[in-house]
C-alpha atoms as a PDB file:
ATOM      1  CA  MET A   1       0.000   0.000   0.000  1.00  0.00           C
ATOM      2  CA  LYS A   2       2.860   2.386   0.818  1.00  0.00           C
ATOM      3  CA  ALA A   3       4.489   1.932  -2.587  1.00  0.00           C
ATOM      4  CA  ASN A   4       1.168   2.443  -4.384  1.00  0.00           C
ATOM      5  CA  MET A   5       0.512   5.585  -2.361  1.00  0.00           C
ATOM      6  CA  LEU A   6       3.957   6.907  -3.275  1.00  0.00           C
ATOM      7  CA  ASN A   7       3.263   6.188  -6.959  1.00  0.00           C
ATOM      8  CA  LEU A   8      -0.028   8.089  -6.713  1.00  0.00           C
ATOM      9  CA  ILE A   9       1.703  11.056  -5.070  1.00  0.00           C
ATOM     10  CA  GLN A  10       4.406  11.068  -7.734  1.00  0.00           C
ATOM     11  CA  LEU A  11       1.806  10.891 -10.503  1.00  0.00           C
ATOM     12  CA  LEU A  12      -0.198  13.754  -9.025  1.00  0.00           C
ATOM     13  CA  ARG A  13       2.969  15.858  -8.762  1.00  0.00           C
ATOM     14  CA  GLU A  14       3.676  15.206 -12.430  1.00  0.00           C
ATOM     15  CA  LEU A  15       0.202  16.389 -13.266  1.00  0.00           C
ATOM     16  CA  ASN A  16       0.321  19.626 -11.291  1.00  0.00           C
ATOM     17  CA  GLY A  17      -1.395  22.154 -13.544  1.00  0.00           C
ATOM     18  CA  ARG A  18      -4.213  22.147 -16.044  1.00  0.00           C
ATOM     19  CA  LYS A  19      -1.874  22.054 -19.047  1.00  0.00           C
ATOM     20  CA  GLN A  20      -0.851  18.527 -18.124  1.00  0.00           C
ATOM     21  CA  LEU A  21      -4.290  16.934 -18.014  1.00  0.00           C
ATOM     22  CA  ARG A  22      -3.497  15.319 -21.352  1.00  0.00           C
ATOM     23  CA  LEU A  23      -0.543  13.618 -19.681  1.00  0.00           C
ATOM     24  CA  MET A  24      -2.865  12.371 -16.967  1.00  0.00           C
ATOM     25  CA  LEU A  25      -5.195  10.889 -19.568  1.00  0.00           C
ATOM     26  CA  GLN A  26      -2.240   9.113 -21.151  1.00  0.00           C
ATOM     27  CA  LYS A  27      -1.173   7.784 -17.733  1.00  0.00           C
ATOM     28  CA  VAL A  28      -4.743   6.592 -17.122  1.00  0.00           C
ATOM     29  CA  GLN A  29      -4.705   4.833 -20.489  1.00  0.00           C
ATOM     30  CA  GLN A  30      -1.375   3.181 -19.710  1.00  0.00           C
ATOM     31  CA  CYS A  31      -2.579   2.109 -16.276  1.00  0.00           C
ATOM     32  CA  TYR A  32      -5.781   0.711 -17.697  1.00  0.00           C
ATOM     33  CA  PHE A  33      -3.969  -1.195 -20.439  1.00  0.00           C
ATOM     34  CA  LYS A  34      -1.739  -2.743 -17.783  1.00  0.00           C
ATOM     35  CA  LEU A  35      -4.810  -3.497 -15.672  1.00  0.00           C
ATOM     36  CA  ARG A  36      -6.601  -5.102 -18.593  1.00  0.00           C
ATOM     37  CA  LYS A  37      -3.576  -7.132 -19.571  1.00  0.00           C
ATOM     38  CA  LYS A  38      -2.990  -8.372 -16.035  1.00  0.00           C
ATOM     39  CA  THR A  39      -6.578  -8.975 -14.947  1.00  0.00           C
ATOM     40  CA  TYR A  40      -9.194  -9.269 -17.689  1.00  0.00           C
ATOM     41  CA  CYS A  41      -7.032 -11.213 -20.153  1.00  0.00           C
ATOM     42  CA  PHE A  42      -5.756 -13.741 -17.650  1.00  0.00           C
ATOM     43  CA  ASN A  43      -7.567 -16.980 -17.512  1.00  0.00           C
ATOM     44  CA  LEU A  44      -6.796 -19.532 -14.867  1.00  0.00           C
ATOM     45  CA  LYS A  45      -4.140 -21.293 -16.960  1.00  0.00           C
ATOM     46  CA  GLN A  46      -2.286 -18.075 -17.734  1.00  0.00           C
ATOM     47  CA  LEU A  47      -2.315 -17.067 -14.086  1.00  0.00           C
ATOM     48  CA  THR A  48      -1.045 -20.485 -13.030  1.00  0.00           C
ATOM     49  CA  ASP A  49       1.712 -20.359 -15.660  1.00  0.00           C
ATOM     50  CA  ASN A  50       2.680 -16.857 -14.558  1.00  0.00           C
ATOM     51  CA  VAL A  51       2.984 -17.952 -10.938  1.00  0.00           C
ATOM     52  CA  TYR A  52       4.961 -21.060 -11.945  1.00  0.00           C
ATOM     53  CA  TYR A  53       7.422 -19.232 -14.198  1.00  0.00           C
ATOM     54  CA  ARG A  54       8.104 -16.633 -11.520  1.00  0.00           C
ATOM     55  CA  ASN A  55       9.283 -19.507  -9.360  1.00  0.00           C
ATOM     56  CA  VAL A  56       6.704 -18.747  -6.763  1.00  0.00           C
ATOM     57  CA  ASN A  57       6.619 -22.178  -5.234  1.00  0.00           C
ATOM     58  CA  ASN A  58       5.036 -21.644  -1.851  1.00  0.00           C
ATOM     59  CA  ASN A  59       1.696 -20.404  -0.618  1.00  0.00           C
ATOM     60  CA  ALA A  60       3.062 -17.199   0.888  1.00  0.00           C
ATOM     61  CA  GLY A  61       4.634 -16.191  -2.439  1.00  0.00           C
ATOM     62  CA  ILE A  62       1.468 -16.892  -4.390  1.00  0.00           C
ATOM     63  CA  PHE A  63      -0.665 -14.897  -1.970  1.00  0.00           C
ATOM     64  CA  SER A  64       1.826 -12.040  -2.005  1.00  0.00           C
ATOM     65  CA  TYR A  65       1.751 -11.946  -5.813  1.00  0.00           C
ATOM     66  CA  LEU A  66      -2.058 -12.032  -6.019  1.00  0.00           C
ATOM     67  CA  ILE A  67      -2.486  -9.383  -3.309  1.00  0.00           C
ATOM     68  CA  GLY A  68      -0.024  -7.121  -5.109  1.00  0.00           C
ATOM     69  CA  GLU A  69      -1.982  -7.449  -8.350  1.00  0.00           C
ATOM     70  CA  ALA A  70      -5.254  -6.668  -6.550  1.00  0.00           C
ATOM     71  CA  GLU A  71      -3.758  -3.591  -4.849  1.00  0.00           C
ATOM     72  CA  ASP A  72      -2.481  -2.298  -8.186  1.00  0.00           C
ATOM     73  CA  GLN A  73      -5.961  -2.566  -9.684  1.00  0.00           C
ATOM     74  CA  ASP A  74      -7.470  -0.907  -6.610  1.00  0.00           C
ATOM     75  CA  TRP A  75      -5.257   2.177  -6.958  1.00  0.00           C
ATOM     76  CA  LYS A  76      -5.905   2.400 -10.689  1.00  0.00           C
ATOM     77  CA  GLU A  77      -9.631   2.554  -9.992  1.00  0.00           C
ATOM     78  CA  VAL A  78      -9.036   5.329  -7.444  1.00  0.00           C
ATOM     79  CA  LEU A  79      -6.978   7.264  -9.984  1.00  0.00           C
ATOM     80  CA  LEU A  80      -9.692   6.895 -12.619  1.00  0.00           C
ATOM     81  CA  ALA A  81     -12.337   8.155 -10.176  1.00  0.00           C
ATOM     82  CA  TYR A  82     -10.207  11.148  -9.160  1.00  0.00           C
ATOM     83  CA  TYR A  83      -9.544  11.970 -12.811  1.00  0.00           C
ATOM     84  CA  GLY A  84     -13.250  11.645 -13.609  1.00  0.00           C
ATOM     85  CA  LEU A  85     -14.101  14.130 -10.871  1.00  0.00           C
ATOM     86  CA  LEU A  86     -11.215  16.455 -11.707  1.00  0.00           C
ATOM     87  CA  ILE A  87     -12.248  17.017 -15.321  1.00  0.00           C
ATOM     88  CA  GLU A  88     -15.862  17.805 -14.480  1.00  0.00           C
ATOM     89  CA  ALA A  89     -16.784  21.502 -14.450  1.00  0.00           C
ATOM     90  CA  GLU A  90     -19.710  20.974 -12.067  1.00  0.00           C
ATOM     91  CA  PRO A  91     -20.340  18.534  -9.212  1.00  0.00           C
ATOM     92  CA  VAL A  92     -21.595  15.147 -10.423  1.00  0.00           C
ATOM     93  CA  THR A  93     -23.552  12.359  -8.800  1.00  0.00           C
ATOM     94  CA  ARG A  94     -22.129   8.942  -8.143  1.00  0.00           C
ATOM     95  CA  ASP A  95     -24.154   7.432 -10.999  1.00  0.00           C
ATOM     96  CA  VAL A  96     -23.023  10.091 -13.479  1.00  0.00           C
ATOM     97  CA  LEU A  97     -19.390   9.566 -12.468  1.00  0.00           C
ATOM     98  CA  ASP A  98     -19.765   5.798 -12.901  1.00  0.00           C
ATOM     99  CA  ALA A  99     -21.309   6.209 -16.354  1.00  0.00           C
ATOM    100  CA  ARG A 100     -18.702   8.749 -17.504  1.00  0.00           C
ATOM    101  CA  ILE A 101     -15.767   6.575 -16.465  1.00  0.00           C
ATOM    102  CA  GLU A 102     -17.269   3.532 -18.174  1.00  0.00           C
ATOM    103  CA  GLU A 103     -17.863   5.697 -21.264  1.00  0.00           C
ATOM    104  CA  LEU A 104     -14.267   6.965 -21.111  1.00  0.00           C
ATOM    105  CA  LEU A 105     -12.927   3.409 -20.993  1.00  0.00           C
ATOM    106  CA  ALA A 106     -15.134   2.365 -23.905  1.00  0.00           C
ATOM    107  CA  ARG A 107     -14.247   5.411 -26.016  1.00  0.00           C
ATOM    108  CA  MET A 108     -10.512   5.516 -25.306  1.00  0.00           C
ATOM    109  CA  ILE A 109      -9.579   1.846 -25.323  1.00  0.00           C
ATOM    110  CA  GLY A 110     -12.665   0.014 -26.522  1.00  0.00           C
ATOM    111  CA  VAL A 111     -13.325  -1.874 -23.297  1.00  0.00           C
ATOM    112  CA  SER A 112     -16.748  -2.353 -21.787  1.00  0.00           C
ATOM    113  CA  ALA A 113     -16.228  -2.561 -18.034  1.00  0.00           C
ATOM    114  CA  ASP A 114     -18.391  -2.288 -14.941  1.00  0.00           C
ATOM    115  CA  PHE A 115     -16.465   0.324 -12.974  1.00  0.00           C
ATOM    116  CA  ASP A 116     -16.687  -0.079  -9.170  1.00  0.00           C
ATOM    117  CA  VAL A 117     -17.328   3.583  -8.372  1.00  0.00           C
ATOM    118  CA  ASP A 118     -18.357   2.965  -4.763  1.00  0.00           C
ATOM    119  CA  HIS A 119     -15.049   1.373  -3.827  1.00  0.00           C
ATOM    120  CA  ALA A 120     -13.054   4.085  -5.591  1.00  0.00           C
ATOM    121  CA  LEU A 121     -15.070   6.836  -3.876  1.00  0.00           C
ATOM    122  CA  SER A 122     -14.553   5.108  -0.544  1.00  0.00           C
ATOM    123  CA  ARG A 123     -10.778   5.322  -1.040  1.00  0.00           C
ATOM    124  CA  LEU A 124     -11.011   8.960  -2.151  1.00  0.00           C
ATOM    125  CA  ARG A 125     -13.004   9.731   1.008  1.00  0.00           C
ATOM    126  CA  GLN A 126     -10.460   7.851   3.109  1.00  0.00           C
ATOM    127  CA  PHE A 127      -7.730  10.212   1.923  1.00  0.00           C
ATOM    128  CA  ASP A 128     -10.024  13.262   1.903  1.00  0.00           C
ATOM    129  CA  LEU A 129      -9.671  13.763  -1.870  1.00  0.00           C
ATOM    130  CA  VAL A 130     -13.344  14.263  -2.695  1.00  0.00           C
ATOM    131  CA  ILE A 131     -15.731  17.058  -1.736  1.00  0.00           C
ATOM    132  CA  GLU A 132     -19.348  16.045  -1.210  1.00  0.00           C
ATOM    133  CA  THR A 133     -22.101  18.638  -1.488  1.00  0.00           C
ATOM    134  CA  ASP A 134     -25.832  18.553  -2.063  1.00  0.00           C
ATOM    135  CA  GLY A 135     -25.095  19.017  -5.759  1.00  0.00           C
ATOM    136  CA  GLY A 136     -22.833  16.002  -5.962  1.00  0.00           C
ATOM    137  CA  LEU A 137     -19.144  15.170  -5.878  1.00  0.00           C
ATOM    138  CA  THR A 138     -16.080  17.162  -6.915  1.00  0.00           C
ATOM    139  CA  ALA A 139     -12.371  16.443  -6.700  1.00  0.00           C
ATOM    140  CA  VAL A 140     -10.192  18.304  -4.253  1.00  0.00           C
ATOM    141  CA  PRO A 141      -7.943  20.641  -6.298  1.00  0.00           C
ATOM    142  CA  LEU A 142      -4.719  18.979  -7.350  1.00  0.00           C
ATOM    143  CA  VAL A 143      -2.466  21.165  -5.178  1.00  0.00           C
ATOM    144  CA  ASP A 144      -4.535  20.353  -2.079  1.00  0.00           C
ATOM    145  CA  ALA A 145      -4.642  16.665  -3.017  1.00  0.00           C
ATOM    146  CA  LEU A 146      -0.857  16.586  -3.206  1.00  0.00           C
ATOM    147  CA  ARG A 147      -0.557  18.190   0.231  1.00  0.00           C
ATOM    148  CA  ARG A 148      -3.005  15.714   1.744  1.00  0.00           C
ATOM    149  CA  LEU A 149      -1.273  12.726   0.191  1.00  0.00           C
ATOM    150  CA  ASP A 150       2.126  14.032   1.316  1.00  0.00           C
ATOM    151  CA  ARG A 151       0.784  14.340   4.858  1.00  0.00           C
ATOM    152  CA  GLU A 152      -0.621  10.797   4.695  1.00  0.00           C
ATOM    153  CA  TRP A 153       2.651   9.441   3.309  1.00  0.00           C
ATOM    154  CA  LYS A 154       4.682  11.123   6.027  1.00  0.00           C
ATOM    155  CA  GLY A 155       2.327   9.660   8.619  1.00  0.00           C
ATOM    156  CA  LEU A 156       2.887   6.186   7.209  1.00  0.00           C
ATOM    157  CA  LEU A 157       6.644   6.671   7.323  1.00  0.00           C
ATOM    158  CA  ARG A 158       6.520   7.843  10.956  1.00  0.00           C
ATOM    159  CA  THR A 159       4.434   4.809  11.866  1.00  0.00           C
ATOM    160  CA  ALA A 160       6.857   2.470  10.092  1.00  0.00           C
ATOM    161  CA  THR A 161       9.929   3.879  11.808  1.00  0.00           C
ATOM    162  CA  THR A 162       8.528   3.832  15.350  1.00  0.00           C
END
């Protein structure tokens, strides 16, 4: 989780400013292609082969590998939800956000997916990266999001060193 959080912080730093939203879209595309390749295209045989060829020959190694893959997908969903909120001019409802992200995935990479918006919003709330109003949901501005994630990261480092 710490490494994924650091990657998210680094990505958000790279995207600081409206001129770089195109870069963010490209990063989202890259992340989704990796997600699709690693999750949707794997069938049981491919996953078994992958585990075997990595010389993961004990239960702890297999579980570690599978948990890592699941965490990667989890953070990609959070990034997609944040991006979906960030590009909206007005607050949007949960259902609108869900539909727009699914539409984005279909339009950009031709994948029909059922996006888990509730889980992604739960993570955004956990890190205080979404603003909820009567009108709907909006993303915390990028500069504020970076500060909040930096604070969270530093808290994790203090906890790990004590």
